Amino acid sequence: VSTQSTGILAASTHADKEEEEEGGVDSTNQVAESSAANEEEEEDGEEEEEEEVSLLQIAWEVLELSRIIYNRQETADSQMKLAKVKIKLGEVCMENEKSDEAIIHYEEAIQSFLAAGELEDSREISSTYYMMGLAASLDQKFENAITHFTKCSQLMSSQILKQTDD
């Protein structure tokens, strides 16, 4: 009986050694697989950048189409929607680092807000001046940025005064 138990113990020890050896090979394979996974992640990062650019392009095209549609309509509601589309176009321009174009879109948005009957000191218009200031500062046109931020501040102060008077 002791001979059988010794044989089983020896077979068990031999199997453990084989597993350890295979584990060593597996760990080498795991390192190789990990390196391959890292390379795939880098490629995925590049694909995501390409996808992000194409998503911005799609956003631009959809917004341009919206701008054309709302431009053809002459109601106050369509002018309000047109202003919001122009703000979004400005945001896409800023994302593409085209601050000059963004400012043009923001200026057009203010004109559309006014055409829709918005008061000059409305929240939408003051926010648009803020975005213009941000675009100018990112373009390092600091004097223009100060002008836009000052206008935004004045309009917001006017809004606050109106709220406290009510």
C-alpha atoms as a PDB file:
ATOM      1  CA  VAL A   1       0.000   0.000   0.000  1.00  0.00           C
ATOM      2  CA  SER A   2       2.855   2.362   0.820  1.00  0.00           C
ATOM      3  CA  THR A   3       4.396   1.703  -2.583  1.00  0.00           C
ATOM      4  CA  GLN A   4       1.168   2.789  -4.256  1.00  0.00           C
ATOM      5  CA  SER A   5       0.954   5.965  -2.204  1.00  0.00           C
ATOM      6  CA  THR A   6       4.578   6.782  -2.980  1.00  0.00           C
ATOM      7  CA  GLY A   7       3.865   6.298  -6.704  1.00  0.00           C
ATOM      8  CA  ILE A   8       0.822   8.563  -6.544  1.00  0.00           C
ATOM      9  CA  LEU A   9       2.816  11.205  -4.671  1.00  0.00           C
ATOM     10  CA  ALA A  10       5.610  11.041  -7.259  1.00  0.00           C
ATOM     11  CA  ALA A  11       3.126  11.317 -10.125  1.00  0.00           C
ATOM     12  CA  SER A  12       1.504  14.304  -8.425  1.00  0.00           C
ATOM     13  CA  THR A  13       4.866  16.045  -7.950  1.00  0.00           C
ATOM     14  CA  HIS A  14       5.784  15.356 -11.568  1.00  0.00           C
ATOM     15  CA  ALA A  15       2.462  16.875 -12.743  1.00  0.00           C
ATOM     16  CA  ASP A  16       3.063  19.968 -10.577  1.00  0.00           C
ATOM     17  CA  LYS A  17       6.490  20.450 -12.165  1.00  0.00           C
ATOM     18  CA  GLU A  18       4.966  20.189 -15.652  1.00  0.00           C
ATOM     19  CA  GLU A  19       2.341  22.796 -14.741  1.00  0.00           C
ATOM     20  CA  GLU A  20       5.043  25.173 -13.469  1.00  0.00           C
ATOM     21  CA  GLU A  21       7.010  24.721 -16.683  1.00  0.00           C
ATOM     22  CA  GLU A  22       3.892  25.322 -18.727  1.00  0.00           C
ATOM     23  CA  GLY A  23       3.155  28.346 -16.521  1.00  0.00           C
ATOM     24  CA  GLY A  24       6.547  29.761 -17.459  1.00  0.00           C
ATOM     25  CA  VAL A  25       5.765  29.327 -21.116  1.00  0.00           C
ATOM     26  CA  ASP A  26       2.287  30.772 -20.538  1.00  0.00           C
ATOM     27  CA  SER A  27       3.724  33.827 -18.804  1.00  0.00           C
ATOM     28  CA  THR A  28       6.045  34.407 -21.769  1.00  0.00           C
ATOM     29  CA  ASN A  29       3.063  34.078 -24.071  1.00  0.00           C
ATOM     30  CA  GLN A  30       1.115  36.468 -21.848  1.00  0.00           C
ATOM     31  CA  VAL A  31       3.858  39.098 -22.162  1.00  0.00           C
ATOM     32  CA  ALA A  32       3.835  38.725 -25.945  1.00  0.00           C
ATOM     33  CA  GLU A  33       0.034  38.920 -25.999  1.00  0.00           C
ATOM     34  CA  SER A  34       0.168  42.008 -23.767  1.00  0.00           C
ATOM     35  CA  SER A  35       2.572  43.736 -26.165  1.00  0.00           C
ATOM     36  CA  ALA A  36       0.324  42.885 -29.093  1.00  0.00           C
ATOM     37  CA  ALA A  37      -2.685  44.249 -27.182  1.00  0.00           C
ATOM     38  CA  ASN A  38      -0.821  47.509 -26.485  1.00  0.00           C
ATOM     39  CA  GLU A  39      -0.027  47.873 -30.189  1.00  0.00           C
ATOM     40  CA  GLU A  40      -3.702  47.254 -31.034  1.00  0.00           C
ATOM     41  CA  GLU A  41      -4.729  49.912 -28.476  1.00  0.00           C
ATOM     42  CA  GLU A  42      -2.371  52.435 -30.129  1.00  0.00           C
ATOM     43  CA  GLU A  43      -3.893  51.619 -33.528  1.00  0.00           C
ATOM     44  CA  ASP A  44      -7.371  51.978 -32.008  1.00  0.00           C
ATOM     45  CA  GLY A  45      -6.333  55.410 -30.663  1.00  0.00           C
ATOM     46  CA  GLU A  46      -5.326  56.488 -34.158  1.00  0.00           C
ATOM     47  CA  GLU A  47      -8.610  55.149 -35.556  1.00  0.00           C
ATOM     48  CA  GLU A  48     -10.533  57.051 -32.868  1.00  0.00           C
ATOM     49  CA  GLU A  49      -8.779  60.279 -33.903  1.00  0.00           C
ATOM     50  CA  GLU A  50      -9.754  59.641 -37.531  1.00  0.00           C
ATOM     51  CA  GLU A  51     -13.304  58.823 -36.406  1.00  0.00           C
ATOM     52  CA  GLU A  52     -13.418  62.007 -34.299  1.00  0.00           C
ATOM     53  CA  VAL A  53     -12.410  64.108 -37.291  1.00  0.00           C
ATOM     54  CA  SER A  54     -15.083  62.490 -39.417  1.00  0.00           C
ATOM     55  CA  LEU A  55     -17.670  63.062 -36.671  1.00  0.00           C
ATOM     56  CA  LEU A  56     -16.778  66.752 -36.625  1.00  0.00           C
ATOM     57  CA  GLN A  57     -17.137  66.813 -40.391  1.00  0.00           C
ATOM     58  CA  ILE A  58     -20.556  65.176 -40.147  1.00  0.00           C
ATOM     59  CA  ALA A  59     -21.600  67.644 -37.447  1.00  0.00           C
ATOM     60  CA  TRP A  60     -20.472  70.535 -39.650  1.00  0.00           C
ATOM     61  CA  GLU A  61     -22.434  69.247 -42.639  1.00  0.00           C
ATOM     62  CA  VAL A  62     -25.614  68.699 -40.620  1.00  0.00           C
ATOM     63  CA  LEU A  63     -25.340  72.159 -39.065  1.00  0.00           C
ATOM     64  CA  GLU A  64     -24.728  73.784 -42.450  1.00  0.00           C
ATOM     65  CA  LEU A  65     -27.808  72.066 -43.838  1.00  0.00           C
ATOM     66  CA  SER A  66     -29.812  73.273 -40.833  1.00  0.00           C
ATOM     67  CA  ARG A  67     -28.484  76.797 -41.370  1.00  0.00           C
ATOM     68  CA  ILE A  68     -29.641  76.757 -44.991  1.00  0.00           C
ATOM     69  CA  ILE A  69     -33.108  75.488 -44.050  1.00  0.00           C
ATOM     70  CA  TYR A  70     -33.640  78.011 -41.241  1.00  0.00           C
ATOM     71  CA  ASN A  71     -32.224  80.841 -43.359  1.00  0.00           C
ATOM     72  CA  ARG A  72     -35.008  80.290 -45.902  1.00  0.00           C
ATOM     73  CA  GLN A  73     -37.709  80.662 -43.270  1.00  0.00           C
ATOM     74  CA  GLU A  74     -38.634  84.077 -41.960  1.00  0.00           C
ATOM     75  CA  THR A  75     -40.473  83.350 -38.719  1.00  0.00           C
ATOM     76  CA  ALA A  76     -39.200  84.435 -35.316  1.00  0.00           C
ATOM     77  CA  ASP A  77     -38.977  80.789 -34.263  1.00  0.00           C
ATOM     78  CA  SER A  78     -36.813  79.896 -37.265  1.00  0.00           C
ATOM     79  CA  GLN A  79     -34.560  82.916 -36.564  1.00  0.00           C
ATOM     80  CA  MET A  80     -34.121  81.687 -32.981  1.00  0.00           C
ATOM     81  CA  LYS A  81     -33.231  78.202 -34.232  1.00  0.00           C
ATOM     82  CA  LEU A  82     -30.907  79.731 -36.824  1.00  0.00           C
ATOM     83  CA  ALA A  83     -29.090  81.622 -34.074  1.00  0.00           C
ATOM     84  CA  LYS A  84     -28.611  78.409 -32.098  1.00  0.00           C
ATOM     85  CA  VAL A  85     -27.322  76.609 -35.191  1.00  0.00           C
ATOM     86  CA  LYS A  86     -24.818  79.421 -35.762  1.00  0.00           C
ATOM     87  CA  ILE A  87     -23.625  79.082 -32.171  1.00  0.00           C
ATOM     88  CA  LYS A  88     -23.059  75.364 -32.739  1.00  0.00           C
ATOM     89  CA  LEU A  89     -21.192  76.137 -35.974  1.00  0.00           C
ATOM     90  CA  GLY A  90     -18.992  78.485 -33.957  1.00  0.00           C
ATOM     91  CA  GLU A  91     -18.325  75.722 -31.439  1.00  0.00           C
ATOM     92  CA  VAL A  92     -17.306  73.328 -34.226  1.00  0.00           C
ATOM     93  CA  CYS A  93     -14.981  76.025 -35.597  1.00  0.00           C
ATOM     94  CA  MET A  94     -13.411  76.440 -32.172  1.00  0.00           C
ATOM     95  CA  GLU A  95     -12.946  72.669 -31.954  1.00  0.00           C
ATOM     96  CA  ASN A  96     -11.100  72.870 -35.286  1.00  0.00           C
ATOM     97  CA  GLU A  97      -9.033  75.817 -33.985  1.00  0.00           C
ATOM     98  CA  LYS A  98     -10.633  78.284 -36.422  1.00  0.00           C
ATOM     99  CA  SER A  99     -11.354  81.064 -33.949  1.00  0.00           C
ATOM    100  CA  ASP A 100     -11.851  83.783 -36.586  1.00  0.00           C
ATOM    101  CA  GLU A 101     -14.615  81.781 -38.251  1.00  0.00           C
ATOM    102  CA  ALA A 102     -16.138  81.018 -34.844  1.00  0.00           C
ATOM    103  CA  ILE A 103     -16.383  84.719 -34.031  1.00  0.00           C
ATOM    104  CA  ILE A 104     -18.127  85.372 -37.351  1.00  0.00           C
ATOM    105  CA  HIS A 105     -20.693  82.666 -36.572  1.00  0.00           C
ATOM    106  CA  TYR A 106     -21.223  84.111 -33.085  1.00  0.00           C
ATOM    107  CA  GLU A 107     -21.752  87.616 -34.489  1.00  0.00           C
ATOM    108  CA  GLU A 108     -24.300  86.219 -36.949  1.00  0.00           C
ATOM    109  CA  ALA A 109     -25.996  84.386 -34.073  1.00  0.00           C
ATOM    110  CA  ILE A 110     -26.422  87.658 -32.179  1.00  0.00           C
ATOM    111  CA  GLN A 111     -27.990  89.237 -35.270  1.00  0.00           C
ATOM    112  CA  SER A 112     -30.374  86.292 -35.588  1.00  0.00           C
ATOM    113  CA  PHE A 113     -31.318  86.520 -31.907  1.00  0.00           C
ATOM    114  CA  LEU A 114     -32.114  90.205 -32.326  1.00  0.00           C
ATOM    115  CA  ALA A 115     -34.107  89.474 -35.520  1.00  0.00           C
ATOM    116  CA  ALA A 116     -36.091  86.872 -33.552  1.00  0.00           C
ATOM    117  CA  GLY A 117     -37.076  89.559 -31.055  1.00  0.00           C
ATOM    118  CA  GLU A 118     -34.680  88.741 -28.246  1.00  0.00           C
ATOM    119  CA  LEU A 119     -33.780  91.614 -25.966  1.00  0.00           C
ATOM    120  CA  GLU A 120     -30.196  92.785 -26.256  1.00  0.00           C
ATOM    121  CA  ASP A 121     -29.489  91.854 -22.649  1.00  0.00           C
ATOM    122  CA  SER A 122     -30.941  88.332 -22.933  1.00  0.00           C
ATOM    123  CA  ARG A 123     -29.054  85.383 -21.561  1.00  0.00           C
ATOM    124  CA  GLU A 124     -28.565  83.926 -25.058  1.00  0.00           C
ATOM    125  CA  ILE A 125     -26.895  87.082 -26.340  1.00  0.00           C
ATOM    126  CA  SER A 126     -24.701  87.558 -23.275  1.00  0.00           C
ATOM    127  CA  SER A 127     -23.604  83.907 -23.493  1.00  0.00           C
ATOM    128  CA  THR A 128     -22.755  84.427 -27.139  1.00  0.00           C
ATOM    129  CA  TYR A 129     -20.549  87.399 -26.242  1.00  0.00           C
ATOM    130  CA  TYR A 130     -18.808  85.148 -23.725  1.00  0.00           C
ATOM    131  CA  MET A 131     -18.152  82.559 -26.455  1.00  0.00           C
ATOM    132  CA  MET A 132     -16.800  85.330 -28.699  1.00  0.00           C
ATOM    133  CA  GLY A 133     -14.450  86.396 -25.907  1.00  0.00           C
ATOM    134  CA  LEU A 134     -13.315  82.825 -25.443  1.00  0.00           C
ATOM    135  CA  ALA A 135     -12.651  82.409 -29.169  1.00  0.00           C
ATOM    136  CA  ALA A 136     -10.701  85.678 -29.302  1.00  0.00           C
ATOM    137  CA  SER A 137      -8.605  84.730 -26.277  1.00  0.00           C
ATOM    138  CA  LEU A 138      -7.789  81.323 -27.765  1.00  0.00           C
ATOM    139  CA  ASP A 139      -6.701  83.140 -30.916  1.00  0.00           C
ATOM    140  CA  GLN A 140      -4.533  85.389 -28.686  1.00  0.00           C
ATOM    141  CA  LYS A 141      -6.464  88.503 -29.657  1.00  0.00           C
ATOM    142  CA  PHE A 142      -6.659  89.660 -26.094  1.00  0.00           C
ATOM    143  CA  GLU A 143      -7.975  93.182 -26.689  1.00  0.00           C
ATOM    144  CA  ASN A 144     -10.911  91.764 -28.642  1.00  0.00           C
ATOM    145  CA  ALA A 145     -11.430  89.174 -25.927  1.00  0.00           C
ATOM    146  CA  ILE A 146     -11.570  91.891 -23.268  1.00  0.00           C
ATOM    147  CA  THR A 147     -14.118  93.804 -25.346  1.00  0.00           C
ATOM    148  CA  HIS A 148     -16.362  90.732 -25.698  1.00  0.00           C
ATOM    149  CA  PHE A 149     -16.009  89.696 -22.053  1.00  0.00           C
ATOM    150  CA  THR A 150     -16.792  93.262 -20.952  1.00  0.00           C
ATOM    151  CA  LYS A 151     -19.931  93.306 -23.097  1.00  0.00           C
ATOM    152  CA  CYS A 152     -20.940  89.932 -21.642  1.00  0.00           C
ATOM    153  CA  SER A 153     -20.400  91.251 -18.117  1.00  0.00           C
ATOM    154  CA  GLN A 154     -22.456  94.376 -18.800  1.00  0.00           C
ATOM    155  CA  LEU A 155     -25.342  92.361 -20.208  1.00  0.00           C
ATOM    156  CA  MET A 156     -25.292  89.959 -17.271  1.00  0.00           C
ATOM    157  CA  SER A 157     -25.235  92.857 -14.824  1.00  0.00           C
ATOM    158  CA  SER A 158     -28.287  94.236 -16.588  1.00  0.00           C
ATOM    159  CA  GLN A 159     -30.012  90.878 -16.235  1.00  0.00           C
ATOM    160  CA  ILE A 160     -29.222  90.784 -12.509  1.00  0.00           C
ATOM    161  CA  LEU A 161     -30.596  94.293 -12.002  1.00  0.00           C
ATOM    162  CA  LYS A 162     -33.810  93.311 -13.770  1.00  0.00           C
ATOM    163  CA  GLN A 163     -34.158  90.247 -11.539  1.00  0.00           C
ATOM    164  CA  THR A 164     -33.638  92.239  -8.336  1.00  0.00           C
ATOM    165  CA  ASP A 165     -36.114  94.928  -9.442  1.00  0.00           C
ATOM    166  CA  ASP A 166     -38.842  92.328  -9.945  1.00  0.00           C
END
